[in-house]
Amino acid sequence: MDNAKTKIAIISHSLGEGGAERFAGKLSFMLEDLNYEVHHIIVNDVIDYEFAGQLYNLGAFCPSDSGIFKKLKKGFLLRQYLKQHQIDILIDNRSRNTLPREIFTRWIYARRKKYFITHSFHLKNYLPESVFFAKWLYSDAQKIICVSKAIEAQVIQKYGLQNTVTIYNPIEPIAIPLTTETLPEKYVLFYGRLDEKVKNFTLLLEAFLKSGIFQYGYQLVILGNGPSKALIEDKIQKLNLGLHVKLLPFLKNPFSVVRKAKFTLLTSRYEGFPMSIIESLSLGVPVVAVDCQSGPNEIVINEKNGLLIENHNVKALAEALNRMVTDATLYQTCRDNAAQSVAHLHPGEIAKSWEKILRE
């Protein structure tokens, strides 16, 4: 295969806000470094993250359309673009949770080489419930790329699909901007999409209250945007945590805030391979994470680079927060090991895995 003549399209919902969208931008740089011609195709007109290659923004072409007509128009425009630019390989980075749409997409993609990424243990976001339709849609894919070993095992067990592989998300050297945010002197941090159904802010806030670490001067900073902002604000007031919790809006580059945190937190009901954990560790900041499916137990080494806690357990999570604040030896051990623990996720190493499957 002559990489210089091989054209790859990465298809995403957008290039904004979410971890899967951030991953798409990083993947484009890795593929460009491998000397592929990269095309980004986004369904919605949201661009926050940097990317390499050409951009085709379907959302910008259909600003005034609505409903089924808008979706059909985007589909025909996508098919036309793939044909016009002679795209060889498709990497589908979208959530794929509507069966009729995916049947239509199969026609759009035609007979090109196809790779489908599964970013979440919640498989309904990426594969249909029907085993028959899952096999019909994806058995001829080059690979179903799973971002954790637990996701791959579940795909094999549930659907019997054998064209699977695990490739972890990469972590690049992170640029730290000058912060313009007013931050507490001492704080612990959650950052990500504000979605209670996934991230479980009820658990986060109740454990923070029970931990009592605000008595040591620590505040909880919650950084991000999303549909549950009002719910979170209401919960903060009901728990009388108004003086101890600070909400900050989404930042395209949040890493000045991450680096200054005592540690970061993850309390999700489910994940895939959470970027916030590996980003935090790469900056030398330990993590406290619940053992949700999937990702945390493939990243967090308990009491070595952070604490891994039973999920949905307020008492256990509260004790973990307290330990990370009061046990100086434990904290220093986790901090010392943090960056090295994710060194294997360097883009150069992850790119080798991508190059291998793209050459098959």
Protein backbone atom coordinates (compact mmCIF):
# COMPACT_ATOMS: atom_id res chain seq x y z
CA MET A 1 0.00 0.00 0.00
CA ASP A 2 1.35 3.41 -0.99
CA ASN A 3 0.31 5.61 1.91
CA ALA A 4 0.86 8.80 -0.08
CA LYS A 5 -2.03 7.80 -2.39
CA THR A 6 -4.31 6.40 0.28
CA LYS A 7 -7.17 8.67 1.33
CA ILE A 8 -8.80 8.20 4.72
CA ALA A 9 -11.98 9.86 5.95
CA ILE A 10 -12.69 10.12 9.68
CA ILE A 11 -16.44 10.56 10.17
CA SER A 12 -17.60 12.10 13.47
CA HIS A 13 -20.68 13.83 14.82
CA SER A 14 -18.56 16.94 15.41
CA LEU A 15 -15.17 18.15 16.59
CA GLY A 16 -16.48 19.65 19.82
CA GLU A 17 -16.83 18.99 23.56
CA GLY A 18 -16.80 15.17 23.87
CA GLY A 19 -13.96 12.74 24.41
CA ALA A 20 -14.72 10.83 21.19
CA GLU A 21 -14.58 14.10 19.27
CA ARG A 22 -11.27 15.05 20.88
CA PHE A 23 -9.96 11.61 19.94
CA ALA A 24 -10.90 12.19 16.28
CA GLY A 25 -8.70 15.26 16.16
CA LYS A 26 -5.77 13.36 17.66
CA LEU A 27 -6.25 10.44 15.30
CA SER A 28 -6.04 12.77 12.30
CA PHE A 29 -2.58 13.94 13.35
CA MET A 30 -1.39 10.35 13.84
CA LEU A 31 -2.64 9.34 10.39
CA GLU A 32 -1.11 12.39 8.76
CA ASP A 33 2.23 11.49 10.38
CA LEU A 34 1.85 8.05 8.77
CA ASN A 35 1.61 9.87 5.42
CA TYR A 36 -2.08 9.25 4.70
CA GLU A 37 -4.26 11.92 3.12
CA VAL A 38 -6.78 12.70 5.87
CA HIS A 39 -10.31 14.02 5.41
CA HIS A 40 -12.48 15.01 8.39
CA ILE A 41 -16.20 14.73 7.81
CA ILE A 42 -18.45 16.07 10.59
CA VAL A 43 -22.22 15.77 10.73
CA ASN A 44 -22.87 18.78 12.99
CA ASP A 45 -21.37 22.24 12.76
CA VAL A 46 -19.38 22.23 16.02
CA ILE A 47 -15.59 22.66 15.93
CA ASP A 48 -13.58 23.09 19.14
CA TYR A 49 -10.61 20.79 18.69
CA GLU A 50 -7.61 21.01 16.42
CA PHE A 51 -7.32 18.53 13.57
CA ALA A 52 -5.12 17.67 10.60
CA GLY A 53 -6.23 17.31 7.00
CA GLN A 54 -9.21 18.58 5.02
CA LEU A 55 -12.55 19.34 6.67
CA TYR A 56 -15.98 18.68 5.17
CA ASN A 57 -18.63 20.17 7.46
CA LEU A 58 -22.02 18.70 6.58
CA GLY A 59 -23.72 20.79 9.26
CA ALA A 60 -22.65 24.00 7.55
CA PHE A 61 -24.31 22.89 4.30
CA CYS A 62 -27.71 22.29 5.90
CA PRO A 63 -28.24 25.13 8.40
CA SER A 64 -31.87 25.85 7.56
CA ASP A 65 -33.08 22.31 6.84
CA SER A 66 -34.75 20.17 9.48
CA GLY A 67 -36.04 16.70 10.25
CA ILE A 68 -35.75 13.73 7.94
CA PHE A 69 -35.04 15.95 4.90
CA LYS A 70 -31.95 17.35 6.60
CA LYS A 71 -30.67 13.87 7.46
CA LEU A 72 -31.25 12.57 3.95
CA LYS A 73 -29.56 15.61 2.41
CA LYS A 74 -26.49 15.08 4.60
CA GLY A 75 -26.41 11.43 3.58
CA PHE A 76 -26.46 12.20 -0.15
CA LEU A 77 -23.86 14.95 0.28
CA LEU A 78 -21.62 12.51 2.17
CA ARG A 79 -21.93 9.85 -0.53
CA GLN A 80 -21.13 12.43 -3.19
CA TYR A 81 -18.06 13.65 -1.27
CA LEU A 82 -16.68 10.13 -0.79
CA LYS A 83 -17.04 9.46 -4.52
CA GLN A 84 -15.72 12.83 -5.67
CA HIS A 85 -12.59 12.61 -3.50
CA GLN A 86 -12.06 8.91 -4.15
CA ILE A 87 -11.87 8.02 -0.46
CA ASP A 88 -10.27 4.61 0.05
CA ILE A 89 -10.78 4.01 3.77
CA LEU A 90 -13.52 5.09 6.19
CA ILE A 91 -13.08 5.37 9.96
CA ASP A 92 -16.51 5.78 11.54
CA ASN A 93 -16.10 7.57 14.88
CA ARG A 94 -19.83 8.33 15.41
CA SER A 95 -22.28 6.84 17.87
CA ARG A 96 -24.47 4.51 15.78
CA ASN A 97 -27.67 4.05 17.79
CA THR A 98 -30.42 4.34 15.14
CA LEU A 99 -30.87 1.24 12.98
CA PRO A 100 -32.63 2.85 9.96
CA ARG A 101 -29.89 5.50 9.78
CA GLU A 102 -27.17 2.85 9.83
CA ILE A 103 -28.88 0.85 7.08
CA PHE A 104 -28.85 4.07 5.01
CA THR A 105 -25.21 4.63 5.99
CA ARG A 106 -24.26 1.18 4.72
CA TRP A 107 -25.47 2.27 1.28
CA ILE A 108 -23.55 5.57 1.58
CA TYR A 109 -20.28 3.84 2.48
CA ALA A 110 -20.64 1.27 -0.32
CA ARG A 111 -17.73 -1.18 -0.72
CA ARG A 112 -14.94 0.88 0.74
CA LYS A 113 -12.73 -0.46 3.52
CA LYS A 114 -14.51 0.39 6.77
CA TYR A 115 -13.38 0.62 10.38
CA PHE A 116 -15.93 1.25 13.14
CA ILE A 117 -14.83 2.63 16.53
CA THR A 118 -16.73 1.66 19.68
CA HIS A 119 -16.05 4.25 22.39
CA SER A 120 -18.36 3.04 25.16
CA PHE A 121 -19.17 -0.06 27.17
CA HIS A 122 -22.81 0.94 26.65
CA LEU A 123 -22.95 -0.97 23.37
CA LYS A 124 -26.42 0.28 22.39
CA ASN A 125 -24.73 3.55 21.44
CA TYR A 126 -22.72 1.75 18.75
CA LEU A 127 -24.30 -1.60 17.82
CA PRO A 128 -27.94 -2.58 17.35
CA GLU A 129 -29.61 -4.81 19.95
CA SER A 130 -30.36 -7.35 17.21
CA VAL A 131 -27.52 -9.82 16.71
CA PHE A 132 -28.78 -10.43 13.17
CA PHE A 133 -28.59 -6.75 12.17
CA ALA A 134 -25.26 -6.24 13.98
CA LYS A 135 -23.70 -9.04 11.95
CA TRP A 136 -25.31 -7.78 8.73
CA LEU A 137 -24.01 -4.25 9.29
CA TYR A 138 -20.54 -4.99 10.64
CA SER A 139 -19.34 -8.50 9.81
CA ASP A 140 -17.77 -7.23 6.57
CA ALA A 141 -15.95 -4.35 8.30
CA GLN A 142 -12.17 -4.54 8.27
CA LYS A 143 -12.20 -4.06 12.03
CA ILE A 144 -14.46 -3.06 14.88
CA ILE A 145 -12.02 -1.05 16.97
CA CYS A 146 -12.73 -1.14 20.70
CA VAL A 147 -11.09 1.36 23.03
CA SER A 148 -10.82 -1.11 25.92
CA LYS A 149 -10.33 -4.84 26.31
CA ALA A 150 -13.58 -5.07 28.27
CA ILE A 151 -15.53 -3.57 25.35
CA GLU A 152 -13.94 -5.99 22.88
CA ALA A 153 -14.75 -8.98 25.11
CA GLN A 154 -18.38 -7.83 25.35
CA VAL A 155 -18.71 -7.39 21.57
CA ILE A 156 -17.38 -10.89 20.96
CA GLN A 157 -19.55 -12.44 23.64
CA LYS A 158 -22.81 -10.70 22.68
CA TYR A 159 -22.57 -10.69 18.89
CA GLY A 160 -20.05 -13.37 18.02
CA LEU A 161 -18.17 -10.91 15.83
CA GLN A 162 -14.54 -11.87 15.34
CA ASN A 163 -13.26 -8.87 13.38
CA THR A 164 -12.46 -6.95 16.58
CA VAL A 165 -9.35 -5.37 18.02
CA THR A 166 -8.53 -3.22 21.05
CA ILE A 167 -6.62 0.00 20.43
CA TYR A 168 -6.38 2.39 23.36
CA ASN A 169 -6.83 6.13 22.96
CA PRO A 170 -3.50 7.97 22.75
CA ILE A 171 -2.25 10.70 25.03
CA GLU A 172 -0.12 13.40 23.45
CA PRO A 173 2.27 15.81 25.12
CA ILE A 174 -0.07 18.46 26.48
CA ALA A 175 0.34 22.19 25.96
CA ILE A 176 -0.52 24.18 29.08
CA PRO A 177 -2.07 27.58 28.37
CA LEU A 178 -2.05 30.51 30.73
CA THR A 179 -5.25 30.27 32.74
CA THR A 180 -7.65 33.18 32.95
CA GLU A 181 -9.95 31.31 35.33
CA THR A 182 -10.20 32.32 38.98
CA LEU A 183 -9.43 29.08 40.81
CA PRO A 184 -9.56 28.13 44.48
CA GLU A 185 -6.20 27.83 46.22
CA LYS A 186 -6.81 24.11 46.84
CA TYR A 187 -9.22 21.98 44.82
CA VAL A 188 -10.07 18.57 43.42
CA LEU A 189 -11.45 18.40 39.90
CA PHE A 190 -14.04 16.76 37.69
CA TYR A 191 -13.92 17.74 34.03
CA GLY A 192 -16.03 16.43 31.19
CA ARG A 193 -19.55 16.56 29.82
CA LEU A 194 -22.23 17.45 32.36
CA ASP A 195 -24.51 14.46 31.80
CA GLU A 196 -25.97 12.88 34.93
CA LYS A 197 -27.08 9.73 33.09
CA VAL A 198 -23.46 8.91 32.29
CA LYS A 199 -21.24 10.78 34.75
CA ASN A 200 -23.31 10.33 37.95
CA PHE A 201 -22.87 13.72 39.62
CA THR A 202 -25.19 12.61 42.40
CA LEU A 203 -22.54 10.13 43.53
CA LEU A 204 -19.79 12.71 43.09
CA LEU A 205 -21.48 15.40 45.19
CA GLU A 206 -22.73 13.10 47.93
CA ALA A 207 -19.28 11.55 48.34
CA PHE A 208 -17.62 14.97 48.37
CA LEU A 209 -19.98 16.06 51.15
CA LYS A 210 -19.43 12.88 53.15
CA SER A 211 -15.64 13.07 52.76
CA GLY A 212 -15.46 16.40 54.58
CA ILE A 213 -12.32 17.42 52.69
CA PHE A 214 -13.67 20.96 52.45
CA GLN A 215 -12.76 21.16 56.15
CA TYR A 216 -9.13 20.99 54.97
CA GLY A 217 -9.74 23.90 52.60
CA TYR A 218 -10.40 21.87 49.44
CA GLN A 219 -13.12 22.84 47.00
CA LEU A 220 -14.61 20.70 44.26
CA VAL A 221 -14.31 22.25 40.80
CA ILE A 222 -16.63 20.91 38.10
CA LEU A 223 -15.53 21.95 34.63
CA GLY A 224 -17.69 21.43 31.53
CA ASN A 225 -20.99 21.98 29.73
CA GLY A 226 -23.93 19.67 29.19
CA PRO A 227 -27.62 18.96 29.73
CA SER A 228 -27.39 18.35 33.49
CA LYS A 229 -26.01 21.71 34.58
CA ALA A 230 -29.29 22.80 36.21
CA LEU A 231 -29.63 19.46 38.00
CA ILE A 232 -26.10 19.78 39.36
CA GLU A 233 -26.71 23.34 40.57
CA ASP A 234 -29.90 22.19 42.29
CA LYS A 235 -28.10 19.28 43.95
CA ILE A 236 -25.33 21.59 45.19
CA GLN A 237 -27.91 23.80 46.88
CA LYS A 238 -29.82 20.88 48.42
CA LEU A 239 -26.59 19.55 49.94
CA ASN A 240 -25.59 23.04 51.17
CA LEU A 241 -22.35 22.85 49.20
CA GLY A 242 -22.60 26.28 47.60
CA LEU A 243 -19.46 27.54 49.36
CA HIS A 244 -17.45 24.44 48.49
CA VAL A 245 -18.27 23.64 44.83
CA LYS A 246 -17.35 25.82 41.85
CA LEU A 247 -18.79 25.31 38.36
CA LEU A 248 -16.70 26.41 35.38
CA PRO A 249 -17.74 26.32 31.71
CA PHE A 250 -16.22 24.02 29.08
CA LEU A 251 -12.68 24.94 28.06
CA LYS A 252 -11.18 23.86 24.76
CA ASN A 253 -7.89 23.45 26.58
CA PRO A 254 -8.57 22.69 30.27
CA PHE A 255 -5.08 21.57 31.18
CA SER A 256 -3.94 24.56 33.22
CA VAL A 257 -6.89 23.76 35.50
CA VAL A 258 -6.09 20.03 35.50
CA ARG A 259 -2.42 20.50 36.33
CA LYS A 260 -3.13 22.59 39.43
CA ALA A 261 -5.67 20.15 40.86
CA LYS A 262 -4.80 17.99 43.87
CA PHE A 263 -6.33 15.07 41.97
CA THR A 264 -9.09 14.48 39.43
CA LEU A 265 -12.29 12.45 39.79
CA LEU A 266 -14.33 10.08 37.67
CA THR A 267 -17.68 8.73 38.94
CA SER A 268 -19.28 7.47 35.73
CA ARG A 269 -21.94 4.80 35.44
CA TYR A 270 -20.14 3.58 32.30
CA GLU A 271 -17.31 4.74 30.05
CA GLY A 272 -15.15 3.49 27.21
CA PHE A 273 -11.55 4.55 27.76
CA PRO A 274 -11.92 7.86 29.60
CA MET A 275 -9.63 10.56 28.27
CA SER A 276 -9.85 12.61 31.47
CA ILE A 277 -8.04 9.88 33.42
CA ILE A 278 -5.13 9.47 31.02
CA GLU A 279 -4.79 13.22 30.48
CA SER A 280 -4.69 13.82 34.22
CA LEU A 281 -2.09 11.11 34.80
CA SER A 282 0.08 12.34 31.94
CA LEU A 283 0.28 15.71 33.72
CA GLY A 284 1.39 14.01 36.93
CA VAL A 285 -1.99 14.47 38.62
CA PRO A 286 -3.35 11.35 40.41
CA VAL A 287 -6.92 10.19 39.96
CA VAL A 288 -9.72 8.79 42.06
CA ALA A 289 -12.01 6.73 39.83
CA VAL A 290 -14.87 4.32 40.27
CA ASP A 291 -14.43 0.88 38.75
CA CYS A 292 -17.10 1.36 36.09
CA GLN A 293 -17.23 -0.57 32.86
CA SER A 294 -15.01 0.09 31.08
CA GLY A 295 -11.59 1.71 31.13
CA PRO A 296 -10.62 2.72 34.67
CA ASN A 297 -9.35 -0.71 35.73
CA GLU A 298 -7.19 -0.84 32.60
CA ILE A 299 -5.58 2.50 33.54
CA VAL A 300 -5.66 3.04 37.31
CA ILE A 301 -3.30 0.92 39.40
CA ASN A 302 -4.79 1.14 42.88
CA GLU A 303 -2.55 2.98 45.36
CA LYS A 304 0.14 3.38 42.66
CA ASN A 305 -1.18 6.16 40.39
CA GLY A 306 -4.53 6.74 42.07
CA LEU A 307 -7.38 4.99 43.83
CA LEU A 308 -9.85 2.63 42.14
CA ILE A 309 -13.12 2.40 44.05
CA GLU A 310 -16.21 0.20 43.89
CA ASN A 311 -18.84 1.99 41.84
CA HIS A 312 -22.08 3.42 43.31
CA ASN A 313 -20.59 3.33 46.82
CA VAL A 314 -20.76 6.77 48.45
CA LYS A 315 -18.98 5.68 51.62
CA ALA A 316 -16.05 4.06 49.78
CA LEU A 317 -15.63 7.04 47.46
CA ALA A 318 -15.78 9.50 50.37
CA GLU A 319 -13.07 7.53 52.20
CA ALA A 320 -10.92 7.57 49.06
CA LEU A 321 -11.19 11.36 48.74
CA ASN A 322 -10.26 11.70 52.39
CA ARG A 323 -7.25 9.38 52.04
CA MET A 324 -5.84 11.30 49.09
CA VAL A 325 -5.97 14.51 51.11
CA THR A 326 -4.75 13.20 54.50
CA ASP A 327 -2.31 10.39 53.61
CA ALA A 328 0.75 12.27 52.35
CA THR A 329 2.75 9.10 51.60
CA LEU A 330 -0.03 7.57 49.51
CA TYR A 331 -0.58 10.80 47.63
CA GLN A 332 3.10 11.30 46.83
CA THR A 333 3.44 7.72 45.60
CA CYS A 334 0.50 8.19 43.24
CA ARG A 335 1.84 11.51 42.03
CA ASP A 336 5.33 10.12 41.42
CA ASN A 337 3.98 7.21 39.35
CA ALA A 338 1.27 9.08 37.45
CA ALA A 339 3.01 10.20 34.26
CA GLN A 340 5.02 7.02 33.71
CA SER A 341 1.92 4.87 34.14
CA VAL A 342 0.50 6.13 30.83
CA ALA A 343 3.75 6.30 28.85
CA HIS A 344 2.62 3.28 26.79
CA LEU A 345 -0.22 5.44 25.41
CA HIS A 346 2.17 7.77 23.59
CA PRO A 347 0.85 8.53 20.07
CA GLY A 348 3.88 6.87 18.50
CA GLU A 349 2.98 3.56 20.14
CA ILE A 350 -0.74 3.81 19.38
CA ALA A 351 0.02 4.81 15.78
CA LYS A 352 1.84 1.49 15.29
CA SER A 353 -1.37 -0.35 16.15
CA TRP A 354 -3.37 1.75 13.70
CA GLU A 355 -0.81 1.31 10.94
CA LYS A 356 -0.88 -2.46 11.42
CA ILE A 357 -4.64 -2.79 10.96
CA LEU A 358 -4.77 -0.28 8.09
CA ARG A 359 -2.20 -2.36 6.18
CA GLU A 360 -4.14 -5.61 6.54
